[in-house]
Structures are given as structure tokens and as C-alpha cells.
Amino acid sequence: MCPDYENDYGVTSYIAFLDSLIDEAKDVMYLRKARILSNYLGSDEEVAQLFNGIGTDLVPNFEIYKDVRSNIQDYYKKKWRTWMSEFFHTHFNSPWTVMAFLAALFAVLATGVQTVYSVLSYYKQP
């Protein structure tokens, strides 16, 4: 960055913002899965080291991403979203578990419908 050039420090602020989000390889993995980052370096650990090293001497404008940071904090303050996310990540991590759940749900619903019809037919008999 040239100190004589007037700018809003958008690039350095974005790098500093990503540096604040990335501390370890697991953070890079989450950002890759959300399609926020693309990793062409090789490992997620290398990307984490790159952002942690490159963000040390930056002069960012923290006001640019203040709304994004507050929206992220508001999102994670809602516990039910975290619980639902953990539930789906734990119990529905493969297509087979989703199919098994749908099959079990269908079986329970079919059993319920059969029970209702058998009770109704019992009371209609003379």
C-alpha cells in the first residue's frame, strides 16, 4: 500500500477480516465448504499460516466489515441455530441416514393412518 495514495483500504481490510476469521486449518476447511475460499496452495494448514502471517503488519479499516462481523455474532448468538446445525451435522452426515430417516417417517405415518382407519371402521360397524 502506498501511503501517498488515497484509498479506503478495502483489500487490506478484507485480508485482515479473513485473518480474524482464520486461526487454524479447521477454519479454512469451514470457509472452503461454504465456498468463501478456494484453496490452491495444497493443505488448509498452509492457507491458515498464510493468512496468519500476511495479516500481521496490515493497516485495516475496521469500519468496512463492522456490519458483517455483527451479523456473524448475531447469527451465532441464537442457540437454536447452533443446536439444529449440530443435530443435522451429527445425524444426517450421509445420504443413507437421510433415506433411512425418511423411510422410518413414512412407516410411522403409514402406521398412524392404518390405525385411524381401523378405529373408524370399528365404530362404523353395526
C-alpha atoms as a PDB file:
ATOM      1  CA  MET A   1       0.000   0.000   0.000  1.00  0.00           C
ATOM      2  CA  CYS A   2       1.295   3.402  -0.924  1.00  0.00           C
ATOM      3  CA  PRO A   3       0.896   5.909   1.920  1.00  0.00           C
ATOM      4  CA  ASP A   4       0.505   8.840  -0.516  1.00  0.00           C
ATOM      5  CA  TYR A   5      -2.434   7.275  -2.383  1.00  0.00           C
ATOM      6  CA  GLU A   6      -5.970   7.989  -1.163  1.00  0.00           C
ATOM      7  CA  ASN A   7      -7.905   4.754  -0.673  1.00  0.00           C
ATOM      8  CA  ASP A   8     -10.345   3.100   1.686  1.00  0.00           C
ATOM      9  CA  TYR A   9      -8.012   0.160   2.478  1.00  0.00           C
ATOM     10  CA  GLY A  10     -10.615  -2.270   1.119  1.00  0.00           C
ATOM     11  CA  VAL A  11      -8.158  -5.012   0.168  1.00  0.00           C
ATOM     12  CA  THR A  12      -6.141  -4.819   3.371  1.00  0.00           C
ATOM     13  CA  SER A  13      -9.345  -4.637   5.412  1.00  0.00           C
ATOM     14  CA  TYR A  14     -10.672  -7.767   3.688  1.00  0.00           C
ATOM     15  CA  ILE A  15      -7.423  -9.651   4.308  1.00  0.00           C
ATOM     16  CA  ALA A  16      -7.459  -8.516   7.944  1.00  0.00           C
ATOM     17  CA  PHE A  17     -11.092  -9.608   8.220  1.00  0.00           C
ATOM     18  CA  LEU A  18     -10.262 -13.068   6.845  1.00  0.00           C
ATOM     19  CA  ASP A  19      -7.254 -13.206   9.159  1.00  0.00           C
ATOM     20  CA  SER A  20      -9.582 -12.563  12.094  1.00  0.00           C
ATOM     21  CA  LEU A  21     -11.747 -15.496  10.959  1.00  0.00           C
ATOM     22  CA  ILE A  22      -8.869 -17.902  10.243  1.00  0.00           C
ATOM     23  CA  ASP A  23      -6.769 -19.201  13.106  1.00  0.00           C
ATOM     24  CA  GLU A  24      -6.246 -22.844  12.202  1.00  0.00           C
ATOM     25  CA  ALA A  25      -6.768 -25.318   9.373  1.00  0.00           C
ATOM     26  CA  LYS A  26     -10.256 -26.203  10.613  1.00  0.00           C
ATOM     27  CA  ASP A  27     -11.383 -22.607   9.975  1.00  0.00           C
ATOM     28  CA  VAL A  28     -10.100 -22.803   6.390  1.00  0.00           C
ATOM     29  CA  MET A  29     -11.988 -26.063   5.920  1.00  0.00           C
ATOM     30  CA  TYR A  30     -15.268 -24.410   7.027  1.00  0.00           C
ATOM     31  CA  LEU A  31     -14.707 -21.443   4.713  1.00  0.00           C
ATOM     32  CA  ARG A  32     -13.929 -23.793   1.812  1.00  0.00           C
ATOM     33  CA  LYS A  33     -17.090 -25.815   2.423  1.00  0.00           C
ATOM     34  CA  ALA A  34     -19.115 -22.583   2.458  1.00  0.00           C
ATOM     35  CA  ARG A  35     -17.394 -21.631  -0.835  1.00  0.00           C
ATOM     36  CA  ILE A  36     -15.957 -18.441   0.622  1.00  0.00           C
ATOM     37  CA  LEU A  37     -12.353 -19.521  -0.011  1.00  0.00           C
ATOM     38  CA  SER A  38     -10.729 -21.589  -2.712  1.00  0.00           C
ATOM     39  CA  ASN A  39      -7.561 -23.398  -1.718  1.00  0.00           C
ATOM     40  CA  TYR A  40      -4.942 -23.713  -4.444  1.00  0.00           C
ATOM     41  CA  LEU A  41      -1.974 -23.956  -2.068  1.00  0.00           C
ATOM     42  CA  GLY A  42      -2.354 -27.588  -1.090  1.00  0.00           C
ATOM     43  CA  SER A  43      -3.319 -28.004   2.533  1.00  0.00           C
ATOM     44  CA  ASP A  44      -5.620 -26.000   4.755  1.00  0.00           C
ATOM     45  CA  GLU A  45      -2.790 -25.608   7.244  1.00  0.00           C
ATOM     46  CA  GLU A  46      -0.737 -23.715   4.645  1.00  0.00           C
ATOM     47  CA  VAL A  47      -3.636 -21.327   3.986  1.00  0.00           C
ATOM     48  CA  ALA A  48      -4.078 -20.721   7.715  1.00  0.00           C
ATOM     49  CA  GLN A  49      -0.364 -19.974   8.082  1.00  0.00           C
ATOM     50  CA  LEU A  50      -0.501 -17.653   5.064  1.00  0.00           C
ATOM     51  CA  PHE A  51      -3.360 -15.556   6.436  1.00  0.00           C
ATOM     52  CA  ASN A  52      -1.912 -15.506   9.944  1.00  0.00           C
ATOM     53  CA  GLY A  53       1.436 -14.342   8.544  1.00  0.00           C
ATOM     54  CA  ILE A  54       0.168 -11.860   5.996  1.00  0.00           C
ATOM     55  CA  GLY A  55      -2.177 -10.116   8.410  1.00  0.00           C
ATOM     56  CA  THR A  56       0.471  -9.080  10.931  1.00  0.00           C
ATOM     57  CA  ASP A  57       1.516  -5.693   9.515  1.00  0.00           C
ATOM     58  CA  LEU A  58      -1.696  -4.564   7.831  1.00  0.00           C
ATOM     59  CA  VAL A  59      -3.423  -1.252   8.492  1.00  0.00           C
ATOM     60  CA  PRO A  60      -7.083  -2.171   8.011  1.00  0.00           C
ATOM     61  CA  ASN A  61     -10.182  -0.036   8.190  1.00  0.00           C
ATOM     62  CA  PHE A  62     -12.290  -1.944  10.716  1.00  0.00           C
ATOM     63  CA  GLU A  63     -15.427   0.067   9.943  1.00  0.00           C
ATOM     64  CA  ILE A  64     -15.824  -1.538   6.494  1.00  0.00           C
ATOM     65  CA  TYR A  65     -16.688  -5.032   7.802  1.00  0.00           C
ATOM     66  CA  LYS A  66     -18.291  -3.979  11.082  1.00  0.00           C
ATOM     67  CA  ASP A  67     -21.787  -4.930   9.842  1.00  0.00           C
ATOM     68  CA  VAL A  68     -20.590  -8.333   8.623  1.00  0.00           C
ATOM     69  CA  ARG A  69     -18.909  -9.042  11.943  1.00  0.00           C
ATOM     70  CA  SER A  70     -22.011  -8.019  13.934  1.00  0.00           C
ATOM     71  CA  ASN A  71     -24.256 -10.146  11.679  1.00  0.00           C
ATOM     72  CA  ILE A  72     -21.991 -13.155  12.266  1.00  0.00           C
ATOM     73  CA  GLN A  73     -22.134 -12.572  16.028  1.00  0.00           C
ATOM     74  CA  ASP A  74     -25.926 -12.188  15.962  1.00  0.00           C
ATOM     75  CA  TYR A  75     -26.238 -15.396  13.959  1.00  0.00           C
ATOM     76  CA  TYR A  76     -24.161 -17.414  16.424  1.00  0.00           C
ATOM     77  CA  LYS A  77     -25.867 -15.929  19.487  1.00  0.00           C
ATOM     78  CA  LYS A  78     -29.067 -17.733  18.546  1.00  0.00           C
ATOM     79  CA  LYS A  79     -28.578 -21.087  20.242  1.00  0.00           C
ATOM     80  CA  TRP A  80     -31.332 -22.955  18.376  1.00  0.00           C
ATOM     81  CA  ARG A  81     -29.483 -22.445  15.090  1.00  0.00           C
ATOM     82  CA  THR A  82     -26.342 -23.886  16.597  1.00  0.00           C
ATOM     83  CA  TRP A  83     -28.245 -26.848  18.028  1.00  0.00           C
ATOM     84  CA  MET A  84     -30.025 -27.547  14.739  1.00  0.00           C
ATOM     85  CA  SER A  85     -26.769 -27.301  12.828  1.00  0.00           C
ATOM     86  CA  GLU A  86     -25.041 -29.701  15.213  1.00  0.00           C
ATOM     87  CA  PHE A  87     -28.031 -32.069  15.046  1.00  0.00           C
ATOM     88  CA  PHE A  88     -28.026 -32.205  11.239  1.00  0.00           C
ATOM     89  CA  HIS A  89     -24.244 -32.444  11.076  1.00  0.00           C
ATOM     90  CA  THR A  90     -24.214 -35.304  13.586  1.00  0.00           C
ATOM     91  CA  HIS A  91     -27.227 -37.336  12.480  1.00  0.00           C
ATOM     92  CA  PHE A  92     -27.576 -36.601   8.761  1.00  0.00           C
ATOM     93  CA  ASN A  93     -23.986 -36.689   7.575  1.00  0.00           C
ATOM     94  CA  SER A  94     -24.620 -39.098   4.695  1.00  0.00           C
ATOM     95  CA  PRO A  95     -27.404 -39.673   2.173  1.00  0.00           C
ATOM     96  CA  TRP A  96     -28.102 -43.095   3.674  1.00  0.00           C
ATOM     97  CA  THR A  97     -29.053 -41.658   7.043  1.00  0.00           C
ATOM     98  CA  VAL A  98     -31.426 -39.200   5.346  1.00  0.00           C
ATOM     99  CA  MET A  99     -33.029 -42.033   3.364  1.00  0.00           C
ATOM    100  CA  ALA A 100     -33.340 -44.190   6.486  1.00  0.00           C
ATOM    101  CA  PHE A 101     -34.982 -41.315   8.361  1.00  0.00           C
ATOM    102  CA  LEU A 102     -37.455 -40.721   5.520  1.00  0.00           C
ATOM    103  CA  ALA A 103     -38.284 -44.440   5.361  1.00  0.00           C
ATOM    104  CA  ALA A 104     -38.867 -44.578   9.125  1.00  0.00           C
ATOM    105  CA  LEU A 105     -41.019 -41.450   8.951  1.00  0.00           C
ATOM    106  CA  PHE A 106     -43.082 -42.975   6.148  1.00  0.00           C
ATOM    107  CA  ALA A 107     -43.530 -46.187   8.165  1.00  0.00           C
ATOM    108  CA  VAL A 108     -44.714 -44.262  11.232  1.00  0.00           C
ATOM    109  CA  LEU A 109     -47.127 -42.156   9.179  1.00  0.00           C
ATOM    110  CA  ALA A 110     -48.493 -45.217   7.373  1.00  0.00           C
ATOM    111  CA  THR A 111     -48.995 -46.975  10.715  1.00  0.00           C
ATOM    112  CA  GLY A 112     -50.837 -43.927  12.047  1.00  0.00           C
ATOM    113  CA  VAL A 113     -53.121 -43.770   9.018  1.00  0.00           C
ATOM    114  CA  GLN A 114     -53.827 -47.511   9.282  1.00  0.00           C
ATOM    115  CA  THR A 115     -54.691 -47.133  12.971  1.00  0.00           C
ATOM    116  CA  VAL A 116     -57.073 -44.241  12.302  1.00  0.00           C
ATOM    117  CA  TYR A 117     -58.876 -46.141   9.542  1.00  0.00           C
ATOM    118  CA  SER A 118     -59.169 -49.311  11.607  1.00  0.00           C
ATOM    119  CA  VAL A 119     -60.598 -47.368  14.567  1.00  0.00           C
ATOM    120  CA  LEU A 120     -63.073 -45.554  12.300  1.00  0.00           C
ATOM    121  CA  SER A 121     -64.151 -48.786  10.621  1.00  0.00           C
ATOM    122  CA  TYR A 122     -64.673 -50.419  14.038  1.00  0.00           C
ATOM    123  CA  TYR A 123     -67.118 -47.703  15.117  1.00  0.00           C
ATOM    124  CA  LYS A 124     -68.997 -47.758  11.763  1.00  0.00           C
ATOM    125  CA  GLN A 125     -69.872 -51.461  12.032  1.00  0.00           C
ATOM    126  CA  PRO A 126     -73.479 -52.188  13.098  1.00  0.00           C
END
